[in-house]
């Protein structure tokens, strides 16, 4: 269940209540007249099944209530209510499968914004991967994959493509380009510093590395893994299974490829640098393709579910009208 709190002008309160009452899957409706001071007006509250939330939020935005007032949504961790149980049964589909597009757009907008923290995390992950490359440590490579924050902008790009928001595509692309460029430049400097202290050597880079050689050997299998990881990551992001994102992060060779390319460039090994760059781009492309396709399938599925809700409302209206004539 989700808890929705709406601050609305008093003259539009009845309209808001009407929208809530017409939406299948809502319950625990409350009204606090005059309780909203900024913006001035009333506060309307309700609980709604996750699978029905997108319908209500879309209608509230369409009617401009997000401009005249405010709409806040919180997750309900525990709800001991028969009404809530009934609301979940009435709403079409399953809550775990539901996509709350308004929440998804807002979340990916934040994650895809270029920031100092994003660049810092991506740089630290790349430096950690650089150490893993040099000592041929699979554990460090996995750790670097888990630390890397690059899935946020990639997911933002997928959402932007599906929602046809070119500005969000540009913002996500900018975060990826600047983030990886900065991380690789700093990794080159880090490599030279570690070489000066004798920890990194060209011999280690060119030597046998059975645990990490896959990083700069891009092939069809790399793309297949990226496709699977992209689909899994998108499903995790859009559902309540967010814990799966860690598994997705350690399935794709993005940060390690950037680290290996940076070290190879620092030693003038353009063959490894090219192979690593191809691995990086192939993985990013696979995630974007799979993520976008997954969102398109989910959008088509929930469009069908929303149509089911509309038909249900029409039948209910006809029933009420007929009952009123009796």
Protein backbone atom coordinates (compact mmCIF):
# COMPACT_ATOMS: atom_id res chain seq x y z
CA UNK A 1 0.00 0.00 0.00
CA UNK A 2 0.95 3.63 -0.57
CA UNK A 3 -0.14 6.63 1.48
CA UNK A 4 -1.09 9.71 -0.56
CA UNK A 5 -1.33 13.17 0.99
CA UNK A 6 -2.76 15.96 -1.15
CA UNK A 7 -2.70 19.67 -0.33
CA UNK A 8 -5.40 21.28 -2.44
CA UNK A 9 -7.22 24.61 -2.70
CA UNK A 10 -10.52 24.39 -0.80
CA UNK A 11 -12.55 25.02 -3.96
CA UNK A 12 -11.06 21.87 -5.53
CA UNK A 13 -11.40 19.53 -2.55
CA UNK A 14 -14.61 17.94 -3.82
CA UNK A 15 -12.95 17.25 -7.15
CA UNK A 16 -10.04 15.53 -5.42
CA UNK A 17 -12.34 13.46 -3.24
CA UNK A 18 -14.30 12.47 -6.35
CA UNK A 19 -11.13 11.27 -8.08
CA UNK A 20 -10.14 9.20 -5.07
CA UNK A 21 -13.56 7.63 -4.66
CA UNK A 22 -13.69 6.71 -8.35
CA UNK A 23 -10.26 5.06 -8.30
CA UNK A 24 -10.34 1.33 -7.67
CA UNK A 25 -8.00 0.27 -4.87
CA UNK A 26 -8.33 3.32 -2.57
CA UNK A 27 -9.31 3.30 1.09
CA UNK A 28 -8.82 5.15 4.42
CA UNK A 29 -9.86 8.49 2.91
CA UNK A 30 -9.44 11.45 5.24
CA UNK A 31 -10.10 15.19 5.05
CA UNK A 32 -8.56 17.99 7.13
CA UNK A 33 -10.40 21.22 6.17
CA UNK A 34 -8.22 24.32 6.27
CA UNK A 35 -5.21 22.37 7.58
CA UNK A 36 -2.89 23.35 4.74
CA UNK A 37 -1.18 26.71 5.34
CA UNK A 38 1.28 26.70 2.43
CA UNK A 39 -0.32 26.34 -0.03
CA UNK A 40 -3.51 27.51 1.62
CA UNK A 41 -6.36 25.04 1.53
CA UNK A 42 -7.32 21.56 2.68
CA UNK A 43 -5.43 18.31 3.17
CA UNK A 44 -6.88 15.14 1.68
CA UNK A 45 -5.35 11.77 2.54
CA UNK A 46 -5.89 8.21 1.41
CA UNK A 47 -4.22 4.84 1.12
CA UNK A 48 -4.06 3.18 -2.27
CA UNK A 49 -2.90 -0.16 -3.62
CA UNK A 50 0.43 0.19 -5.40
CA UNK A 51 -0.99 -1.28 -8.62
CA UNK A 52 -3.68 1.45 -8.75
CA UNK A 53 -1.54 4.41 -7.70
CA UNK A 54 -0.37 5.44 -11.15
CA UNK A 55 -3.94 5.99 -12.34
CA UNK A 56 -4.72 8.41 -9.50
CA UNK A 57 -1.39 10.25 -9.68
CA UNK A 58 -1.73 10.70 -13.42
CA UNK A 59 -5.21 12.17 -13.03
CA UNK A 60 -4.06 14.55 -10.29
CA UNK A 61 -1.19 15.80 -12.46
CA UNK A 62 -3.44 16.14 -15.54
CA UNK A 63 -5.83 18.35 -13.59
CA UNK A 64 -3.03 20.65 -12.45
CA UNK A 65 -3.28 19.79 -8.76
CA UNK A 66 0.48 19.36 -8.59
CA UNK A 67 0.79 23.02 -9.66
CA UNK A 68 -1.95 24.52 -7.50
CA UNK A 69 -1.23 22.29 -4.50
CA UNK A 70 1.06 19.38 -3.72
CA UNK A 71 0.97 15.60 -3.86
CA UNK A 72 3.16 13.47 -1.57
CA UNK A 73 3.41 9.68 -1.65
CA UNK A 74 4.90 7.44 1.05
CA UNK A 75 5.28 3.67 1.28
CA UNK A 76 3.20 1.99 3.98
CA UNK A 77 5.41 -0.61 5.64
CA UNK A 78 2.62 -2.10 7.75
CA UNK A 79 -1.15 -1.81 7.38
CA UNK A 80 -3.44 -3.79 9.68
CA UNK A 81 -6.75 -3.20 7.97
CA UNK A 82 -9.38 -5.32 6.26
CA UNK A 83 -10.20 -2.33 4.09
CA UNK A 84 -6.60 -2.21 2.89
CA UNK A 85 -6.69 -5.93 2.13
CA UNK A 86 -9.89 -5.45 0.16
CA UNK A 87 -8.44 -2.47 -1.73
CA UNK A 88 -5.49 -4.60 -2.84
CA UNK A 89 -7.87 -7.33 -4.00
CA UNK A 90 -9.99 -4.85 -5.95
CA UNK A 91 -7.06 -3.29 -7.77
CA UNK A 92 -6.05 -5.13 -10.98
CA UNK A 93 -2.73 -6.94 -11.13
CA UNK A 94 -0.17 -7.52 -8.39
CA UNK A 95 1.56 -4.85 -6.34
CA UNK A 96 5.00 -6.39 -6.93
CA UNK A 97 4.48 -6.02 -10.69
CA UNK A 98 3.16 -2.46 -10.60
CA UNK A 99 5.04 0.44 -12.13
CA UNK A 100 4.42 3.82 -10.49
CA UNK A 101 5.66 5.94 -13.38
CA UNK A 102 5.55 9.23 -11.50
CA UNK A 103 7.82 7.77 -8.81
CA UNK A 104 10.09 6.13 -11.38
CA UNK A 105 10.59 9.38 -13.32
CA UNK A 106 11.32 11.31 -10.13
CA UNK A 107 13.77 8.68 -8.85
CA UNK A 108 15.70 8.32 -12.08
CA UNK A 109 15.76 12.11 -12.51
CA UNK A 110 17.65 12.38 -9.23
CA UNK A 111 19.94 9.41 -9.95
CA UNK A 112 20.82 10.64 -13.44
CA UNK A 113 21.90 14.13 -12.38
CA UNK A 114 25.62 14.87 -12.62
CA UNK A 115 26.89 15.66 -9.14
CA UNK A 116 30.13 15.70 -7.18
CA UNK A 117 29.00 12.66 -5.22
CA UNK A 118 28.28 10.68 -8.40
CA UNK A 119 31.70 11.48 -9.88
CA UNK A 120 33.41 10.73 -6.57
CA UNK A 121 31.71 7.34 -6.18
CA UNK A 122 32.41 6.39 -9.79
CA UNK A 123 36.06 7.46 -9.41
CA UNK A 124 36.52 5.47 -6.20
CA UNK A 125 34.95 2.42 -7.84
CA UNK A 126 37.28 2.82 -10.83
CA UNK A 127 40.37 3.14 -8.62
CA UNK A 128 39.29 0.07 -6.66
CA UNK A 129 38.88 -1.83 -9.93
CA UNK A 130 42.33 -0.63 -11.03
CA UNK A 131 43.84 -2.29 -7.97
CA UNK A 132 41.88 -5.44 -8.75
CA UNK A 133 43.17 -5.43 -12.34
CA UNK A 134 46.79 -5.11 -11.27
CA UNK A 135 46.75 -7.91 -8.68
CA UNK A 136 44.28 -10.00 -10.72
CA UNK A 137 41.74 -10.08 -7.88
CA UNK A 138 38.18 -11.09 -8.74
CA UNK A 139 37.06 -10.01 -5.26
CA UNK A 140 38.20 -6.42 -5.80
CA UNK A 141 36.59 -6.36 -9.23
CA UNK A 142 33.26 -7.50 -7.77
CA UNK A 143 33.60 -4.92 -5.00
CA UNK A 144 34.22 -2.17 -7.53
CA UNK A 145 31.18 -3.26 -9.55
CA UNK A 146 29.01 -3.05 -6.43
CA UNK A 147 30.30 0.43 -5.53
CA UNK A 148 29.83 1.90 -9.01
CA UNK A 149 26.74 4.20 -9.30
CA UNK A 150 26.51 4.13 -13.12
CA UNK A 151 23.24 2.19 -13.27
CA UNK A 152 21.34 5.30 -12.15
CA UNK A 153 22.02 7.40 -15.28
CA UNK A 154 21.61 4.33 -17.50
CA UNK A 155 18.18 3.67 -15.97
CA UNK A 156 17.35 7.35 -16.34
CA UNK A 157 18.15 7.12 -20.04
CA UNK A 158 15.85 4.11 -20.44
CA UNK A 159 12.97 5.90 -18.69
CA UNK A 160 13.58 9.05 -20.73
CA UNK A 161 13.50 7.11 -24.01
CA UNK A 162 10.22 5.41 -23.08
CA UNK A 163 8.66 8.64 -21.80
CA UNK A 164 10.09 10.61 -24.74
CA UNK A 165 11.89 13.15 -22.58
CA UNK A 166 14.94 14.32 -24.56
CA UNK A 167 16.16 16.59 -21.76
CA UNK A 168 16.38 13.64 -19.37
CA UNK A 169 18.22 11.63 -22.05
CA UNK A 170 20.74 14.46 -22.36
CA UNK A 171 21.12 14.75 -18.58
CA UNK A 172 21.73 11.01 -18.22
CA UNK A 173 24.18 10.93 -21.12
CA UNK A 174 26.06 13.91 -19.70
CA UNK A 175 26.39 12.21 -16.30
CA UNK A 176 27.79 9.05 -17.92
CA UNK A 177 30.22 10.83 -20.24
CA UNK A 178 31.57 13.29 -17.70
CA UNK A 179 31.56 10.72 -14.90
CA UNK A 180 33.50 8.05 -16.78
CA UNK A 181 35.85 10.61 -18.38
CA UNK A 182 36.73 12.10 -14.99
CA UNK A 183 37.11 8.67 -13.38
CA UNK A 184 39.41 7.43 -16.16
CA UNK A 185 41.58 10.55 -16.13
CA UNK A 186 42.03 10.27 -12.37
CA UNK A 187 42.67 6.54 -12.72
CA UNK A 188 45.48 7.30 -15.19
CA UNK A 189 47.04 9.64 -12.62
CA UNK A 190 46.52 7.06 -9.90
CA UNK A 191 48.22 4.41 -12.05
CA UNK A 192 51.25 6.61 -12.62
CA UNK A 193 51.47 7.39 -8.91
CA UNK A 194 51.27 3.72 -7.98
CA UNK A 195 53.90 2.94 -10.63
CA UNK A 196 56.21 5.50 -9.08
CA UNK A 197 55.91 3.69 -5.75
CA UNK A 198 56.47 0.34 -7.44
CA UNK A 199 52.99 -1.12 -6.82
CA UNK A 200 51.83 -0.98 -10.46
CA UNK A 201 54.07 -2.29 -13.22
CA UNK A 202 53.72 -2.80 -16.95
CA UNK A 203 54.83 -6.40 -16.45
CA UNK A 204 51.77 -7.07 -14.31
CA UNK A 205 49.49 -5.49 -16.87
CA UNK A 206 50.90 -7.59 -19.72
CA UNK A 207 51.22 -10.77 -17.67
CA UNK A 208 48.72 -13.59 -17.35
CA UNK A 209 45.57 -12.52 -15.50
CA UNK A 210 43.12 -15.44 -15.56
CA UNK A 211 40.71 -13.73 -13.14
CA UNK A 212 40.45 -10.41 -14.98
CA UNK A 213 41.38 -10.99 -18.64
CA UNK A 214 37.69 -11.03 -19.55
CA UNK A 215 37.58 -7.28 -18.88
CA UNK A 216 39.21 -6.33 -22.18
CA UNK A 217 37.93 -9.25 -24.29
CA UNK A 218 34.53 -8.04 -25.47
CA UNK A 219 32.40 -10.62 -27.27
CA UNK A 220 28.79 -11.61 -27.94
CA UNK A 221 28.57 -13.18 -24.49
CA UNK A 222 29.35 -9.81 -22.90
CA UNK A 223 26.39 -8.28 -24.72
CA UNK A 224 24.09 -11.16 -23.72
CA UNK A 225 25.01 -10.75 -20.05
CA UNK A 226 24.43 -6.99 -20.31
CA UNK A 227 20.99 -7.60 -21.82
CA UNK A 228 20.01 -9.96 -19.00
CA UNK A 229 21.39 -7.62 -16.34
CA UNK A 230 19.63 -4.62 -17.89
CA UNK A 231 16.27 -6.40 -17.85
CA UNK A 232 16.79 -7.59 -14.26
CA UNK A 233 17.89 -4.14 -13.11
CA UNK A 234 14.88 -2.45 -14.67
CA UNK A 235 12.47 -4.94 -13.11
CA UNK A 236 14.16 -4.39 -9.76
CA UNK A 237 13.91 -0.62 -10.12
CA UNK A 238 10.23 -0.61 -11.10
CA UNK A 239 9.05 -3.16 -8.55
CA UNK A 240 9.49 -3.66 -4.84
CA UNK A 241 12.48 -5.99 -5.39
CA UNK A 242 15.16 -3.31 -5.07
CA UNK A 243 17.61 -5.70 -3.42
CA UNK A 244 18.33 -7.27 -6.81
CA UNK A 245 20.15 -4.12 -7.96
CA UNK A 246 23.31 -5.26 -6.16
CA UNK A 247 23.33 -8.45 -8.19
CA UNK A 248 22.83 -6.45 -11.37
CA UNK A 249 25.74 -4.14 -10.51
CA UNK A 250 28.17 -7.05 -10.21
CA UNK A 251 26.98 -8.67 -13.43
CA UNK A 252 28.13 -6.05 -15.94
CA UNK A 253 31.69 -5.03 -16.81
CA UNK A 254 31.48 -1.25 -16.90
CA UNK A 255 33.64 0.13 -14.08
CA UNK A 256 36.33 -2.60 -14.44
CA UNK A 257 36.52 -1.93 -18.19
CA UNK A 258 37.00 1.79 -17.57
CA UNK A 259 39.74 1.03 -15.02
CA UNK A 260 41.56 -1.39 -17.32
CA UNK A 261 41.37 1.11 -20.20
CA UNK A 262 42.84 3.85 -17.98
CA UNK A 263 45.76 1.70 -16.82
CA UNK A 264 46.43 0.49 -20.37
CA UNK A 265 46.51 4.10 -21.60
CA UNK A 266 48.93 5.08 -18.85
CA UNK A 267 51.36 2.42 -20.15
CA UNK A 268 50.68 3.06 -23.83
CA UNK A 269 48.99 -0.31 -24.38
CA UNK A 270 46.41 0.82 -26.91
CA UNK A 271 45.29 -2.73 -27.72
CA UNK A 272 44.04 -3.36 -24.19
CA UNK A 273 42.66 0.18 -24.00
CA UNK A 274 40.62 -0.38 -27.14
CA UNK A 275 39.36 -3.78 -25.98
CA UNK A 276 38.36 -2.37 -22.59
CA UNK A 277 36.58 0.60 -24.19
CA UNK A 278 34.65 -1.76 -26.46
CA UNK A 279 33.68 -3.81 -23.41
CA UNK A 280 32.47 -0.68 -21.61
CA UNK A 281 30.40 0.57 -24.53
CA UNK A 282 28.98 -2.89 -25.29
CA UNK A 283 27.80 -3.32 -21.71
CA UNK A 284 26.24 0.14 -21.56
CA UNK A 285 24.48 -0.45 -24.88
CA UNK A 286 23.14 -3.83 -23.72
CA UNK A 287 21.73 -2.38 -20.51
CA UNK A 288 20.05 0.53 -22.33
CA UNK A 289 18.51 -1.75 -24.97
CA UNK A 290 17.23 -4.31 -22.45
CA UNK A 291 16.05 -1.67 -19.97
CA UNK A 292 14.14 0.26 -22.60
CA UNK A 293 12.47 -2.87 -24.00
CA UNK A 294 11.53 -4.01 -20.49
CA UNK A 295 9.92 -0.65 -19.72
CA UNK A 296 8.02 -0.69 -23.03
CA UNK A 297 6.63 -4.14 -22.22
CA UNK A 298 5.65 -3.01 -18.73
CA UNK A 299 4.05 0.14 -20.12
CA UNK A 300 1.97 -1.89 -22.59
CA UNK A 301 0.92 -4.32 -19.86
CA UNK A 302 -0.15 -1.60 -17.44
CA UNK A 303 -1.95 0.31 -20.18
CA UNK A 304 -4.09 -2.79 -20.54
CA UNK A 305 -4.56 -2.92 -16.77
CA UNK A 306 -5.56 0.75 -16.68
CA UNK A 307 -8.13 0.11 -19.40
CA UNK A 308 -9.50 -2.66 -17.19
CA UNK A 309 -9.85 -0.12 -14.36
CA UNK A 310 -11.67 2.32 -16.66
CA UNK A 311 -14.11 -0.38 -17.78
CA UNK A 312 -14.68 -1.34 -14.16
CA UNK A 313 -15.50 2.28 -13.31
CA UNK A 314 -17.92 2.55 -16.22
CA UNK A 315 -19.73 -0.60 -15.16
CA UNK A 316 -19.90 0.66 -11.58
CA UNK A 317 -21.32 4.01 -12.76
CA UNK A 318 -23.97 2.27 -14.86
CA UNK A 319 -24.86 0.08 -11.89
CA UNK A 320 -25.22 3.08 -9.58
CA UNK A 321 -27.33 4.91 -12.14
CA UNK A 322 -29.61 1.91 -12.62
CA UNK A 323 -29.88 1.43 -8.89
CA UNK A 324 -30.82 5.07 -8.50
CA UNK A 325 -33.77 4.63 -10.87
CA UNK A 326 -35.12 1.68 -8.93
